[in-house]
Amino acid sequence: MTLEYISFIAFFVVNVLSLQFYLGTAALQLEQKGDHDRTYTDLANVFSSVGIIVAPLASYLIDSQGFGVTMLFVNVGGITCALLQAVPLLEVQLLTLTVWTVTRFVLYSGFFTMLGALFGYSNFGTLTGMASAANGIVGLLQYPLTDLALTTFEGDFTWINISQ
């Protein structure tokens, strides 16, 4: 494993953690903001399912702007999503869901495209497996983060969302 690969995986797992954390806690966060009839929660499920419509954008970024701009887009999207999650207005969460969906799809598209381009395809399966394992291990942090939000912060996810 090279430093380049380790850095690449670190970038991936840190970004995935915040996006997956929102996926796992969206219902709780939206209810905290007033989604008592679960309309926005249902919309969150729809948004996460239709990310494929972002494929042309992801393809455009990767092909015409390069990997650096694509990953910058992911970083800006992740920060924007975290800040939008901190807004206590339920109506703003439609924008949050949109930014979240686009960012998540571009992250995964860019990551797997870049993985092959940087490290070749002869070991693509092994490298993908190691990345997925690292992602799974880091993803376990969602449990203590959720517990922290529910207990220490009394159901308020704001500081956890912003600190990611």
C-alpha atoms as a PDB file:
ATOM      1  CA  MET A   1       0.000   0.000   0.000  1.00  0.00           C
ATOM      2  CA  THR A   2       1.325   3.376  -0.985  1.00  0.00           C
ATOM      3  CA  LEU A   3       0.880   6.671   0.817  1.00  0.00           C
ATOM      4  CA  GLU A   4      -1.132   7.836  -2.204  1.00  0.00           C
ATOM      5  CA  TYR A   5      -3.569   4.927  -1.822  1.00  0.00           C
ATOM      6  CA  ILE A   6      -3.886   5.396   1.951  1.00  0.00           C
ATOM      7  CA  SER A   7      -4.542   9.132   1.472  1.00  0.00           C
ATOM      8  CA  PHE A   8      -7.092   8.371  -1.221  1.00  0.00           C
ATOM      9  CA  ILE A   9      -8.920   5.922   1.042  1.00  0.00           C
ATOM     10  CA  ALA A  10      -8.804   8.393   3.955  1.00  0.00           C
ATOM     11  CA  PHE A  11     -10.445  11.033   1.745  1.00  0.00           C
ATOM     12  CA  PHE A  12     -13.114   8.532   0.738  1.00  0.00           C
ATOM     13  CA  VAL A  13     -13.988   7.197   4.194  1.00  0.00           C
ATOM     14  CA  VAL A  14     -14.134  10.637   5.821  1.00  0.00           C
ATOM     15  CA  ASN A  15     -16.523  11.887   3.148  1.00  0.00           C
ATOM     16  CA  VAL A  16     -18.608   8.729   3.176  1.00  0.00           C
ATOM     17  CA  LEU A  17     -18.917   8.817   6.974  1.00  0.00           C
ATOM     18  CA  SER A  18     -20.665  12.174   7.018  1.00  0.00           C
ATOM     19  CA  LEU A  19     -22.924  11.297   4.089  1.00  0.00           C
ATOM     20  CA  GLN A  20     -23.816   7.863   5.459  1.00  0.00           C
ATOM     21  CA  PHE A  21     -24.344   9.300   8.931  1.00  0.00           C
ATOM     22  CA  TYR A  22     -27.003  11.573   7.491  1.00  0.00           C
ATOM     23  CA  LEU A  23     -28.558   8.648   5.623  1.00  0.00           C
ATOM     24  CA  GLY A  24     -28.779   6.658   8.838  1.00  0.00           C
ATOM     25  CA  THR A  25     -30.096   9.490  10.986  1.00  0.00           C
ATOM     26  CA  ALA A  26     -32.207  11.458   8.491  1.00  0.00           C
ATOM     27  CA  ALA A  27     -35.496  10.313  10.018  1.00  0.00           C
ATOM     28  CA  LEU A  28     -34.384  11.394  13.500  1.00  0.00           C
ATOM     29  CA  GLN A  29     -32.971  14.690  12.259  1.00  0.00           C
ATOM     30  CA  LEU A  30     -36.007  15.515  10.146  1.00  0.00           C
ATOM     31  CA  GLU A  31     -38.391  14.664  12.978  1.00  0.00           C
ATOM     32  CA  GLN A  32     -36.381  16.965  15.255  1.00  0.00           C
ATOM     33  CA  LYS A  33     -37.026  19.737  12.732  1.00  0.00           C
ATOM     34  CA  GLY A  34     -40.782  19.084  12.695  1.00  0.00           C
ATOM     35  CA  ASP A  35     -41.366  16.208  10.274  1.00  0.00           C
ATOM     36  CA  HIS A  36     -43.921  14.536  12.526  1.00  0.00           C
ATOM     37  CA  ASP A  37     -45.972  13.141   9.641  1.00  0.00           C
ATOM     38  CA  ARG A  38     -42.769  11.729   8.034  1.00  0.00           C
ATOM     39  CA  THR A  39     -43.353  13.462   4.685  1.00  0.00           C
ATOM     40  CA  TYR A  40     -39.750  14.643   4.492  1.00  0.00           C
ATOM     41  CA  THR A  41     -38.491  11.279   5.684  1.00  0.00           C
ATOM     42  CA  ASP A  42     -40.370   9.628   2.837  1.00  0.00           C
ATOM     43  CA  LEU A  43     -38.855  12.174   0.458  1.00  0.00           C
ATOM     44  CA  ALA A  44     -35.393  11.363   1.834  1.00  0.00           C
ATOM     45  CA  ASN A  45     -35.973   7.733   0.854  1.00  0.00           C
ATOM     46  CA  VAL A  46     -36.991   8.795  -2.638  1.00  0.00           C
ATOM     47  CA  PHE A  47     -34.013  11.150  -2.995  1.00  0.00           C
ATOM     48  CA  SER A  48     -31.549   8.423  -2.006  1.00  0.00           C
ATOM     49  CA  SER A  49     -33.087   6.112  -4.610  1.00  0.00           C
ATOM     50  CA  VAL A  50     -32.979   8.489  -7.574  1.00  0.00           C
ATOM     51  CA  GLY A  51     -29.347   9.542  -7.356  1.00  0.00           C
ATOM     52  CA  ILE A  52     -28.755   7.908 -10.732  1.00  0.00           C
ATOM     53  CA  ILE A  53     -30.209  10.997 -12.406  1.00  0.00           C
ATOM     54  CA  VAL A  54     -27.007  12.767 -11.360  1.00  0.00           C
ATOM     55  CA  ALA A  55     -24.919  10.437 -13.562  1.00  0.00           C
ATOM     56  CA  PRO A  56     -24.512  12.969 -16.401  1.00  0.00           C
ATOM     57  CA  LEU A  57     -23.218  15.591 -13.949  1.00  0.00           C
ATOM     58  CA  ALA A  58     -20.754  13.135 -12.409  1.00  0.00           C
ATOM     59  CA  SER A  59     -19.610  12.046 -15.840  1.00  0.00           C
ATOM     60  CA  TYR A  60     -19.196  15.647 -16.983  1.00  0.00           C
ATOM     61  CA  LEU A  61     -17.151  16.586 -13.927  1.00  0.00           C
ATOM     62  CA  ILE A  62     -14.874  13.571 -14.221  1.00  0.00           C
ATOM     63  CA  ASP A  63     -14.400  13.689 -18.007  1.00  0.00           C
ATOM     64  CA  SER A  64     -14.136  17.404 -18.653  1.00  0.00           C
ATOM     65  CA  GLN A  65     -12.983  18.908 -15.362  1.00  0.00           C
ATOM     66  CA  GLY A  66     -10.757  16.143 -14.031  1.00  0.00           C
ATOM     67  CA  PHE A  67     -10.489  14.377 -10.730  1.00  0.00           C
ATOM     68  CA  GLY A  68      -9.287  17.398  -8.759  1.00  0.00           C
ATOM     69  CA  VAL A  69     -12.341  19.478  -9.600  1.00  0.00           C
ATOM     70  CA  THR A  70     -14.611  16.470  -9.047  1.00  0.00           C
ATOM     71  CA  MET A  71     -13.233  15.861  -5.564  1.00  0.00           C
ATOM     72  CA  LEU A  72     -13.353  19.598  -4.818  1.00  0.00           C
ATOM     73  CA  PHE A  73     -17.029  19.439  -5.797  1.00  0.00           C
ATOM     74  CA  VAL A  74     -17.458  16.583  -3.306  1.00  0.00           C
ATOM     75  CA  ASN A  75     -15.779  18.566  -0.519  1.00  0.00           C
ATOM     76  CA  VAL A  76     -17.843  21.685  -1.189  1.00  0.00           C
ATOM     77  CA  GLY A  77     -20.995  19.569  -1.396  1.00  0.00           C
ATOM     78  CA  GLY A  78     -20.207  17.835   1.892  1.00  0.00           C
ATOM     79  CA  ILE A  79     -19.570  21.115   3.694  1.00  0.00           C
ATOM     80  CA  THR A  80     -22.704  22.646   2.196  1.00  0.00           C
ATOM     81  CA  CYS A  81     -24.752  19.636   3.226  1.00  0.00           C
ATOM     82  CA  ALA A  82     -23.433  19.823   6.804  1.00  0.00           C
ATOM     83  CA  LEU A  83     -24.263  23.522   7.035  1.00  0.00           C
ATOM     84  CA  LEU A  84     -27.741  23.008   5.589  1.00  0.00           C
ATOM     85  CA  GLN A  85     -28.391  20.211   8.071  1.00  0.00           C
ATOM     86  CA  ALA A  86     -27.742  22.749  10.829  1.00  0.00           C
ATOM     87  CA  VAL A  87     -30.592  24.962   9.630  1.00  0.00           C
ATOM     88  CA  PRO A  88     -33.576  24.258  11.903  1.00  0.00           C
ATOM     89  CA  LEU A  89     -36.191  24.925   9.193  1.00  0.00           C
ATOM     90  CA  LEU A  90     -37.804  21.786   7.817  1.00  0.00           C
ATOM     91  CA  GLU A  91     -38.399  23.363   4.396  1.00  0.00           C
ATOM     92  CA  VAL A  92     -34.649  23.939   3.929  1.00  0.00           C
ATOM     93  CA  GLN A  93     -34.119  20.203   4.251  1.00  0.00           C
ATOM     94  CA  LEU A  94     -35.358  19.676   0.691  1.00  0.00           C
ATOM     95  CA  LEU A  95     -32.258  21.558  -0.427  1.00  0.00           C
ATOM     96  CA  THR A  96     -30.199  19.508   2.033  1.00  0.00           C
ATOM     97  CA  LEU A  97     -31.537  16.296   0.514  1.00  0.00           C
ATOM     98  CA  THR A  98     -30.773  17.541  -2.987  1.00  0.00           C
ATOM     99  CA  VAL A  99     -27.195  18.531  -2.144  1.00  0.00           C
ATOM    100  CA  TRP A 100     -26.733  15.297  -0.201  1.00  0.00           C
ATOM    101  CA  THR A 101     -27.950  13.154  -3.110  1.00  0.00           C
ATOM    102  CA  VAL A 102     -25.781  14.908  -5.682  1.00  0.00           C
ATOM    103  CA  THR A 103     -22.687  14.894  -3.466  1.00  0.00           C
ATOM    104  CA  ARG A 104     -23.059  11.239  -2.555  1.00  0.00           C
ATOM    105  CA  PHE A 105     -23.481  10.120  -6.149  1.00  0.00           C
ATOM    106  CA  VAL A 106     -20.550  12.213  -7.401  1.00  0.00           C
ATOM    107  CA  LEU A 107     -18.369  10.927  -4.535  1.00  0.00           C
ATOM    108  CA  TYR A 108     -18.975   7.273  -5.374  1.00  0.00           C
ATOM    109  CA  SER A 109     -18.736   7.812  -9.140  1.00  0.00           C
ATOM    110  CA  GLY A 110     -15.565   9.838  -8.824  1.00  0.00           C
ATOM    111  CA  PHE A 111     -13.968   7.504  -6.308  1.00  0.00           C
ATOM    112  CA  PHE A 112     -14.365   4.309  -8.307  1.00  0.00           C
ATOM    113  CA  THR A 113     -13.407   5.983 -11.580  1.00  0.00           C
ATOM    114  CA  MET A 114     -10.372   7.564  -9.993  1.00  0.00           C
ATOM    115  CA  LEU A 115      -9.383   4.322  -8.260  1.00  0.00           C
ATOM    116  CA  GLY A 116      -9.026   2.563 -11.589  1.00  0.00           C
ATOM    117  CA  ALA A 117      -7.337   5.512 -13.284  1.00  0.00           C
ATOM    118  CA  LEU A 118      -4.762   5.994 -10.526  1.00  0.00           C
ATOM    119  CA  PHE A 119      -3.967   2.441  -9.561  1.00  0.00           C
ATOM    120  CA  GLY A 120      -4.876   0.425 -12.648  1.00  0.00           C
ATOM    121  CA  TYR A 121      -7.361  -2.327 -13.153  1.00  0.00           C
ATOM    122  CA  SER A 122      -5.216  -5.391 -12.534  1.00  0.00           C
ATOM    123  CA  ASN A 123      -5.817  -5.075  -8.772  1.00  0.00           C
ATOM    124  CA  PHE A 124      -9.069  -3.135  -8.930  1.00  0.00           C
ATOM    125  CA  GLY A 125     -11.051  -5.776  -7.038  1.00  0.00           C
ATOM    126  CA  THR A 126      -8.513  -6.011  -4.228  1.00  0.00           C
ATOM    127  CA  LEU A 127      -8.209  -2.238  -3.915  1.00  0.00           C
ATOM    128  CA  THR A 128     -11.982  -1.844  -3.954  1.00  0.00           C
ATOM    129  CA  GLY A 129     -12.317  -4.532  -1.300  1.00  0.00           C
ATOM    130  CA  MET A 130      -9.759  -2.877   0.945  1.00  0.00           C
ATOM    131  CA  ALA A 131     -11.469   0.497   0.470  1.00  0.00           C
ATOM    132  CA  SER A 132     -14.834  -1.037   1.299  1.00  0.00           C
ATOM    133  CA  ALA A 133     -13.404  -2.705   4.412  1.00  0.00           C
ATOM    134  CA  ALA A 134     -11.890   0.583   5.581  1.00  0.00           C
ATOM    135  CA  ASN A 135     -15.176   2.307   4.853  1.00  0.00           C
ATOM    136  CA  GLY A 136     -17.070  -0.298   6.860  1.00  0.00           C
ATOM    137  CA  ILE A 137     -14.749   0.010   9.849  1.00  0.00           C
ATOM    138  CA  VAL A 138     -14.875   3.812   9.887  1.00  0.00           C
ATOM    139  CA  GLY A 139     -18.636   3.619   9.287  1.00  0.00           C
ATOM    140  CA  LEU A 140     -19.013   1.981  12.689  1.00  0.00           C
ATOM    141  CA  LEU A 141     -18.424   5.439  14.154  1.00  0.00           C
ATOM    142  CA  GLN A 142     -22.016   6.225  13.201  1.00  0.00           C
ATOM    143  CA  TYR A 143     -23.235   4.327  16.259  1.00  0.00           C
ATOM    144  CA  PRO A 144     -21.345   6.292  18.926  1.00  0.00           C
ATOM    145  CA  LEU A 145     -22.016   9.536  17.022  1.00  0.00           C
ATOM    146  CA  THR A 146     -25.750   8.816  17.016  1.00  0.00           C
ATOM    147  CA  ASP A 147     -25.629   7.920  20.696  1.00  0.00           C
ATOM    148  CA  LEU A 148     -23.754  11.142  21.422  1.00  0.00           C
ATOM    149  CA  ALA A 149     -26.390  13.173  19.602  1.00  0.00           C
ATOM    150  CA  LEU A 150     -29.291  11.426  21.334  1.00  0.00           C
ATOM    151  CA  THR A 151     -27.869  11.433  24.857  1.00  0.00           C
ATOM    152  CA  THR A 152     -25.295  14.177  25.374  1.00  0.00           C
ATOM    153  CA  PHE A 153     -26.867  16.654  22.935  1.00  0.00           C
ATOM    154  CA  GLU A 154     -30.446  15.601  23.781  1.00  0.00           C
ATOM    155  CA  GLY A 155     -31.397  14.745  20.208  1.00  0.00           C
ATOM    156  CA  ASP A 156     -29.659  17.705  18.593  1.00  0.00           C
ATOM    157  CA  PHE A 157     -27.424  16.587  15.704  1.00  0.00           C
ATOM    158  CA  THR A 158     -26.178  20.094  14.819  1.00  0.00           C
ATOM    159  CA  TRP A 159     -22.690  19.906  16.319  1.00  0.00           C
ATOM    160  CA  ILE A 160     -22.044  16.419  15.016  1.00  0.00           C
ATOM    161  CA  ASN A 161     -23.156  17.384  11.512  1.00  0.00           C
ATOM    162  CA  ILE A 162     -20.999  20.508  11.467  1.00  0.00           C
ATOM    163  CA  SER A 163     -17.941  18.815  12.978  1.00  0.00           C
ATOM    164  CA  GLN A 164     -17.802  16.114  10.357  1.00  0.00           C
END
